[in-house]
Amino acid sequence: MANKNSSSSKILGFLLLLPVIGLLWYLAPLVLPVWLWLHLDFKAIADKYKLPLAEVTKEYDFMVRYRPRAAKDPVPFQLFDLQPPWNDIPTHEDEDHLLLRVVFISDLTGTGPNEGYIGDSPKGQYFKGTCWRLPKGSIPGVNKFHPILVYKGASTPMNNSEVVFWDAQLNNAGWKNNDEDIDDGFKVPDAGSN
């Protein structure tokens, strides 16, 4: 009789534990790079693009700004600083004073910052952190026309003084915008259309 009760309590305990495990798995992307573990294969990307694995897994410090071309822009972020500089590797292009449109996604969720988290003023539109920079088209289902930045952890907004400095710098002449160079299929509506 005692053995039957023990088995029943183990089954009941297991059934009660299942929702807890499900909740933990649901909440894990808030703190753990679940998307990275499940969807990003650096070696496969290196092999596909014939790049050294060390180049694909290299980490960069980045600064981006949220600057959609229009409502519902699928690629609303522009990279404006990457350290070490992208052209430190001889085969890479010089991106000095270039506003480069990029896919900007988190290693936690595989998506960008939540739209509700991004402010209407420059203070909520500038981010910095550490990332991997991957070739355009290297992640299935992700925009294939722009480089991909997979940032580590949660995106970090810049502080006020950084935002004021960079917003003034980027809005002055001398920064080229690569939007005119790449047709990714996104059409900016005419100013007069509804």
C-alpha atoms as a PDB file:
ATOM      1  CA  MET A   1       0.000   0.000   0.000  1.00  0.00           C
ATOM      2  CA  ALA A   2       2.788   2.430   0.889  1.00  0.00           C
ATOM      3  CA  ASN A   3       4.421   1.803  -2.481  1.00  0.00           C
ATOM      4  CA  LYS A   4       1.214   2.759  -4.357  1.00  0.00           C
ATOM      5  CA  ASN A   5       0.918   6.047  -2.422  1.00  0.00           C
ATOM      6  CA  SER A   6       4.577   6.806  -3.119  1.00  0.00           C
ATOM      7  CA  SER A   7       4.070   6.286  -6.870  1.00  0.00           C
ATOM      8  CA  SER A   8       0.947   8.451  -6.865  1.00  0.00           C
ATOM      9  CA  SER A   9       2.701  11.251  -5.037  1.00  0.00           C
ATOM     10  CA  LYS A  10       5.638  11.106  -7.477  1.00  0.00           C
ATOM     11  CA  ILE A  11       3.265  11.337 -10.447  1.00  0.00           C
ATOM     12  CA  LEU A  12       1.346  14.188  -8.806  1.00  0.00           C
ATOM     13  CA  GLY A  13       4.601  15.983  -7.990  1.00  0.00           C
ATOM     14  CA  PHE A  14       5.769  15.597 -11.585  1.00  0.00           C
ATOM     15  CA  LEU A  15       2.454  16.916 -12.947  1.00  0.00           C
ATOM     16  CA  LEU A  16       2.671  19.923 -10.628  1.00  0.00           C
ATOM     17  CA  LEU A  17       6.255  20.551 -11.733  1.00  0.00           C
ATOM     18  CA  LEU A  18       5.390  20.664 -15.469  1.00  0.00           C
ATOM     19  CA  PRO A  19       3.728  24.126 -15.379  1.00  0.00           C
ATOM     20  CA  VAL A  20       6.672  25.480 -13.366  1.00  0.00           C
ATOM     21  CA  ILE A  21       9.123  24.138 -15.974  1.00  0.00           C
ATOM     22  CA  GLY A  22       6.961  25.648 -18.747  1.00  0.00           C
ATOM     23  CA  LEU A  23       6.924  29.027 -16.999  1.00  0.00           C
ATOM     24  CA  LEU A  24      10.695  28.961 -16.502  1.00  0.00           C
ATOM     25  CA  TRP A  25      11.215  28.142 -20.202  1.00  0.00           C
ATOM     26  CA  TYR A  26       8.879  31.000 -21.142  1.00  0.00           C
ATOM     27  CA  LEU A  27      10.750  33.451 -18.875  1.00  0.00           C
ATOM     28  CA  ALA A  28      14.263  32.196 -19.717  1.00  0.00           C
ATOM     29  CA  PRO A  29      14.712  34.577 -22.720  1.00  0.00           C
ATOM     30  CA  LEU A  30      14.496  37.502 -20.313  1.00  0.00           C
ATOM     31  CA  VAL A  31      17.933  36.587 -18.931  1.00  0.00           C
ATOM     32  CA  LEU A  32      19.415  33.727 -20.990  1.00  0.00           C
ATOM     33  CA  PRO A  33      20.417  33.701 -24.698  1.00  0.00           C
ATOM     34  CA  VAL A  34      17.847  31.041 -25.576  1.00  0.00           C
ATOM     35  CA  TRP A  35      17.421  32.235 -29.167  1.00  0.00           C
ATOM     36  CA  LEU A  36      21.191  32.136 -29.679  1.00  0.00           C
ATOM     37  CA  TRP A  37      21.399  28.566 -28.378  1.00  0.00           C
ATOM     38  CA  LEU A  38      18.516  27.354 -30.533  1.00  0.00           C
ATOM     39  CA  HIS A  39      18.953  29.287 -33.787  1.00  0.00           C
ATOM     40  CA  LEU A  40      22.477  30.606 -34.282  1.00  0.00           C
ATOM     41  CA  ASP A  41      25.203  28.320 -35.597  1.00  0.00           C
ATOM     42  CA  PHE A  42      28.392  30.362 -35.985  1.00  0.00           C
ATOM     43  CA  LYS A  43      30.264  27.458 -37.573  1.00  0.00           C
ATOM     44  CA  ALA A  44      27.580  26.931 -40.235  1.00  0.00           C
ATOM     45  CA  ILE A  45      27.677  30.659 -41.075  1.00  0.00           C
ATOM     46  CA  ALA A  46      31.479  30.612 -41.274  1.00  0.00           C
ATOM     47  CA  ASP A  47      31.370  27.579 -43.581  1.00  0.00           C
ATOM     48  CA  LYS A  48      28.599  29.012 -45.790  1.00  0.00           C
ATOM     49  CA  TYR A  49      30.371  32.333 -46.336  1.00  0.00           C
ATOM     50  CA  LYS A  50      33.900  30.854 -46.343  1.00  0.00           C
ATOM     51  CA  LEU A  51      34.960  33.030 -43.410  1.00  0.00           C
ATOM     52  CA  PRO A  52      37.270  32.164 -40.526  1.00  0.00           C
ATOM     53  CA  LEU A  53      35.231  31.140 -37.483  1.00  0.00           C
ATOM     54  CA  ALA A  54      37.157  33.699 -35.416  1.00  0.00           C
ATOM     55  CA  GLU A  55      35.854  36.459 -37.696  1.00  0.00           C
ATOM     56  CA  VAL A  56      32.227  35.326 -37.345  1.00  0.00           C
ATOM     57  CA  THR A  57      32.446  34.988 -33.553  1.00  0.00           C
ATOM     58  CA  LYS A  58      34.355  38.252 -33.046  1.00  0.00           C
ATOM     59  CA  GLU A  59      32.593  40.597 -30.648  1.00  0.00           C
ATOM     60  CA  TYR A  60      32.266  44.324 -31.298  1.00  0.00           C
ATOM     61  CA  ASP A  61      31.158  47.319 -29.266  1.00  0.00           C
ATOM     62  CA  PHE A  62      28.397  49.050 -31.206  1.00  0.00           C
ATOM     63  CA  MET A  63      26.290  52.194 -31.250  1.00  0.00           C
ATOM     64  CA  VAL A  64      23.024  52.290 -33.196  1.00  0.00           C
ATOM     65  CA  ARG A  65      20.130  54.650 -33.512  1.00  0.00           C
ATOM     66  CA  TYR A  66      16.472  53.963 -34.181  1.00  0.00           C
ATOM     67  CA  ARG A  67      15.666  55.889 -37.354  1.00  0.00           C
ATOM     68  CA  PRO A  68      12.868  54.263 -39.409  1.00  0.00           C
ATOM     69  CA  ARG A  69      12.472  55.441 -42.981  1.00  0.00           C
ATOM     70  CA  ALA A  70       8.673  55.468 -42.483  1.00  0.00           C
ATOM     71  CA  ALA A  71       6.026  53.663 -40.439  1.00  0.00           C
ATOM     72  CA  LYS A  72       6.382  49.866 -40.381  1.00  0.00           C
ATOM     73  CA  ASP A  73      10.003  49.956 -41.575  1.00  0.00           C
ATOM     74  CA  PRO A  74      11.236  46.344 -41.170  1.00  0.00           C
ATOM     75  CA  VAL A  75      14.838  47.586 -40.698  1.00  0.00           C
ATOM     76  CA  PRO A  76      14.559  50.745 -38.565  1.00  0.00           C
ATOM     77  CA  PHE A  77      18.077  50.792 -37.038  1.00  0.00           C
ATOM     78  CA  GLN A  78      21.270  52.441 -38.287  1.00  0.00           C
ATOM     79  CA  LEU A  79      24.740  51.472 -37.114  1.00  0.00           C
ATOM     80  CA  PHE A  80      27.054  54.463 -36.759  1.00  0.00           C
ATOM     81  CA  ASP A  81      29.943  53.174 -34.672  1.00  0.00           C
ATOM     82  CA  LEU A  82      31.621  49.782 -34.383  1.00  0.00           C
ATOM     83  CA  GLN A  83      34.749  49.109 -32.343  1.00  0.00           C
ATOM     84  CA  PRO A  84      37.131  47.777 -33.390  1.00  0.00           C
ATOM     85  CA  PRO A  85      36.396  49.438 -36.742  1.00  0.00           C
ATOM     86  CA  TRP A  86      34.952  47.183 -39.443  1.00  0.00           C
ATOM     87  CA  ASN A  87      37.753  47.988 -41.886  1.00  0.00           C
ATOM     88  CA  ASP A  88      40.411  46.712 -39.459  1.00  0.00           C
ATOM     89  CA  ILE A  89      40.014  43.525 -41.494  1.00  0.00           C
ATOM     90  CA  PRO A  90      41.443  44.267 -44.980  1.00  0.00           C
ATOM     91  CA  THR A  91      38.535  42.701 -46.914  1.00  0.00           C
ATOM     92  CA  HIS A  92      35.952  44.868 -45.133  1.00  0.00           C
ATOM     93  CA  GLU A  93      34.639  48.194 -46.399  1.00  0.00           C
ATOM     94  CA  ASP A  94      35.407  51.501 -44.733  1.00  0.00           C
ATOM     95  CA  GLU A  95      32.352  52.607 -42.757  1.00  0.00           C
ATOM     96  CA  ASP A  96      33.740  55.788 -41.272  1.00  0.00           C
ATOM     97  CA  HIS A  97      31.020  58.465 -41.174  1.00  0.00           C
ATOM     98  CA  LEU A  98      28.474  56.026 -42.625  1.00  0.00           C
ATOM     99  CA  LEU A  99      24.939  55.510 -41.336  1.00  0.00           C
ATOM    100  CA  LEU A 100      24.549  51.817 -42.132  1.00  0.00           C
ATOM    101  CA  ARG A 101      21.066  50.303 -41.990  1.00  0.00           C
ATOM    102  CA  VAL A 102      21.257  47.001 -40.091  1.00  0.00           C
ATOM    103  CA  VAL A 103      19.072  44.218 -38.759  1.00  0.00           C
ATOM    104  CA  PHE A 104      19.328  44.643 -34.972  1.00  0.00           C
ATOM    105  CA  ILE A 105      18.287  41.620 -32.889  1.00  0.00           C
ATOM    106  CA  SER A 106      18.906  40.228 -29.412  1.00  0.00           C
ATOM    107  CA  ASP A 107      20.626  36.953 -28.599  1.00  0.00           C
ATOM    108  CA  LEU A 108      17.875  36.459 -25.981  1.00  0.00           C
ATOM    109  CA  THR A 109      14.826  36.542 -28.276  1.00  0.00           C
ATOM    110  CA  GLY A 110      15.942  36.973 -31.901  1.00  0.00           C
ATOM    111  CA  THR A 111      13.963  40.215 -32.111  1.00  0.00           C
ATOM    112  CA  GLY A 112      14.898  43.877 -31.725  1.00  0.00           C
ATOM    113  CA  PRO A 113      14.053  46.158 -28.813  1.00  0.00           C
ATOM    114  CA  ASN A 114      10.364  46.311 -28.020  1.00  0.00           C
ATOM    115  CA  GLU A 115       8.710  49.229 -29.840  1.00  0.00           C
ATOM    116  CA  GLY A 116       7.188  50.383 -26.536  1.00  0.00           C
ATOM    117  CA  TYR A 117      10.698  50.625 -25.094  1.00  0.00           C
ATOM    118  CA  ILE A 118      11.824  53.053 -27.799  1.00  0.00           C
ATOM    119  CA  GLY A 119      10.996  56.675 -27.076  1.00  0.00           C
ATOM    120  CA  ASP A 120       9.751  59.461 -29.317  1.00  0.00           C
ATOM    121  CA  SER A 121      12.732  61.656 -28.481  1.00  0.00           C
ATOM    122  CA  PRO A 122      16.398  60.939 -29.275  1.00  0.00           C
ATOM    123  CA  LYS A 123      16.950  59.874 -25.642  1.00  0.00           C
ATOM    124  CA  GLY A 124      15.058  56.632 -26.246  1.00  0.00           C
ATOM    125  CA  GLN A 125      16.464  56.003 -29.725  1.00  0.00           C
ATOM    126  CA  TYR A 126      20.201  55.521 -29.212  1.00  0.00           C
ATOM    127  CA  PHE A 127      21.602  52.188 -28.016  1.00  0.00           C
ATOM    128  CA  LYS A 128      25.015  50.713 -27.309  1.00  0.00           C
ATOM    129  CA  GLY A 129      26.403  47.365 -26.253  1.00  0.00           C
ATOM    130  CA  THR A 130      28.314  44.325 -27.464  1.00  0.00           C
ATOM    131  CA  CYS A 131      27.370  42.342 -30.553  1.00  0.00           C
ATOM    132  CA  TRP A 132      28.347  39.861 -33.201  1.00  0.00           C
ATOM    133  CA  ARG A 133      28.177  41.192 -36.729  1.00  0.00           C
ATOM    134  CA  LEU A 134      26.959  38.623 -39.237  1.00  0.00           C
ATOM    135  CA  PRO A 135      26.750  38.724 -43.036  1.00  0.00           C
ATOM    136  CA  LYS A 136      23.497  39.824 -44.633  1.00  0.00           C
ATOM    137  CA  GLY A 137      21.224  36.873 -45.319  1.00  0.00           C
ATOM    138  CA  SER A 138      23.081  34.588 -42.920  1.00  0.00           C
ATOM    139  CA  ILE A 139      20.056  33.926 -40.679  1.00  0.00           C
ATOM    140  CA  PRO A 140      17.051  32.318 -42.418  1.00  0.00           C
ATOM    141  CA  GLY A 141      13.901  34.412 -42.212  1.00  0.00           C
ATOM    142  CA  VAL A 142      15.810  37.610 -41.419  1.00  0.00           C
ATOM    143  CA  ASN A 143      16.087  40.506 -43.903  1.00  0.00           C
ATOM    144  CA  LYS A 144      18.713  39.471 -46.468  1.00  0.00           C
ATOM    145  CA  PHE A 145      19.736  42.920 -47.706  1.00  0.00           C
ATOM    146  CA  HIS A 146      21.411  44.315 -44.587  1.00  0.00           C
ATOM    147  CA  PRO A 147      24.163  43.210 -42.189  1.00  0.00           C
ATOM    148  CA  ILE A 148      22.920  41.601 -38.976  1.00  0.00           C
ATOM    149  CA  LEU A 149      23.902  42.744 -35.492  1.00  0.00           C
ATOM    150  CA  VAL A 150      23.088  40.193 -32.794  1.00  0.00           C
ATOM    151  CA  TYR A 151      23.496  42.090 -29.553  1.00  0.00           C
ATOM    152  CA  LYS A 152      24.224  40.422 -26.255  1.00  0.00           C
ATOM    153  CA  GLY A 153      21.599  40.647 -23.530  1.00  0.00           C
ATOM    154  CA  ALA A 154      19.158  43.516 -23.335  1.00  0.00           C
ATOM    155  CA  SER A 155      19.766  46.634 -25.413  1.00  0.00           C
ATOM    156  CA  THR A 156      21.277  49.463 -23.387  1.00  0.00           C
ATOM    157  CA  PRO A 157      20.091  53.034 -24.023  1.00  0.00           C
ATOM    158  CA  MET A 158      22.812  55.676 -24.097  1.00  0.00           C
ATOM    159  CA  ASN A 159      22.995  58.255 -21.336  1.00  0.00           C
ATOM    160  CA  ASN A 160      21.812  61.841 -21.928  1.00  0.00           C
ATOM    161  CA  SER A 161      25.208  63.371 -22.691  1.00  0.00           C
ATOM    162  CA  GLU A 162      26.041  60.648 -25.234  1.00  0.00           C
ATOM    163  CA  VAL A 163      22.664  61.077 -26.927  1.00  0.00           C
ATOM    164  CA  VAL A 164      23.048  64.870 -27.184  1.00  0.00           C
ATOM    165  CA  PHE A 165      26.572  64.512 -28.607  1.00  0.00           C
ATOM    166  CA  TRP A 166      25.769  61.812 -31.162  1.00  0.00           C
ATOM    167  CA  ASP A 167      22.432  63.273 -32.254  1.00  0.00           C
ATOM    168  CA  ALA A 168      24.172  66.562 -33.071  1.00  0.00           C
ATOM    169  CA  GLN A 169      27.017  64.746 -34.861  1.00  0.00           C
ATOM    170  CA  LEU A 170      24.780  62.524 -36.991  1.00  0.00           C
ATOM    171  CA  ASN A 171      22.434  65.323 -37.988  1.00  0.00           C
ATOM    172  CA  ASN A 172      25.312  67.444 -39.305  1.00  0.00           C
ATOM    173  CA  ALA A 173      26.624  67.129 -42.839  1.00  0.00           C
ATOM    174  CA  GLY A 174      29.419  64.697 -43.514  1.00  0.00           C
ATOM    175  CA  TRP A 175      27.638  61.437 -42.651  1.00  0.00           C
ATOM    176  CA  LYS A 176      26.677  59.343 -45.664  1.00  0.00           C
ATOM    177  CA  ASN A 177      23.471  57.338 -45.436  1.00  0.00           C
ATOM    178  CA  ASN A 178      23.549  53.944 -47.183  1.00  0.00           C
ATOM    179  CA  ASP A 179      19.754  53.906 -47.711  1.00  0.00           C
ATOM    180  CA  GLU A 180      20.203  55.271 -51.204  1.00  0.00           C
ATOM    181  CA  ASP A 181      22.675  52.511 -52.104  1.00  0.00           C
ATOM    182  CA  ILE A 182      20.600  49.456 -51.198  1.00  0.00           C
ATOM    183  CA  ASP A 183      17.110  48.654 -52.511  1.00  0.00           C
ATOM    184  CA  ASP A 184      15.672  46.251 -49.959  1.00  0.00           C
ATOM    185  CA  GLY A 185      12.119  46.468 -51.296  1.00  0.00           C
ATOM    186  CA  PHE A 186      10.826  48.871 -48.624  1.00  0.00           C
ATOM    187  CA  LYS A 187       8.928  51.731 -50.214  1.00  0.00           C
ATOM    188  CA  VAL A 188       8.778  55.038 -48.375  1.00  0.00           C
ATOM    189  CA  PRO A 189       5.295  56.483 -48.970  1.00  0.00           C
ATOM    190  CA  ASP A 190       4.985  59.824 -50.742  1.00  0.00           C
ATOM    191  CA  ALA A 191       4.622  62.733 -48.328  1.00  0.00           C
ATOM    192  CA  GLY A 192       1.182  63.578 -49.758  1.00  0.00           C
ATOM    193  CA  SER A 193      -0.300  60.062 -49.567  1.00  0.00           C
ATOM    194  CA  ASN A 194      -2.407  58.815 -46.652  1.00  0.00           C
END
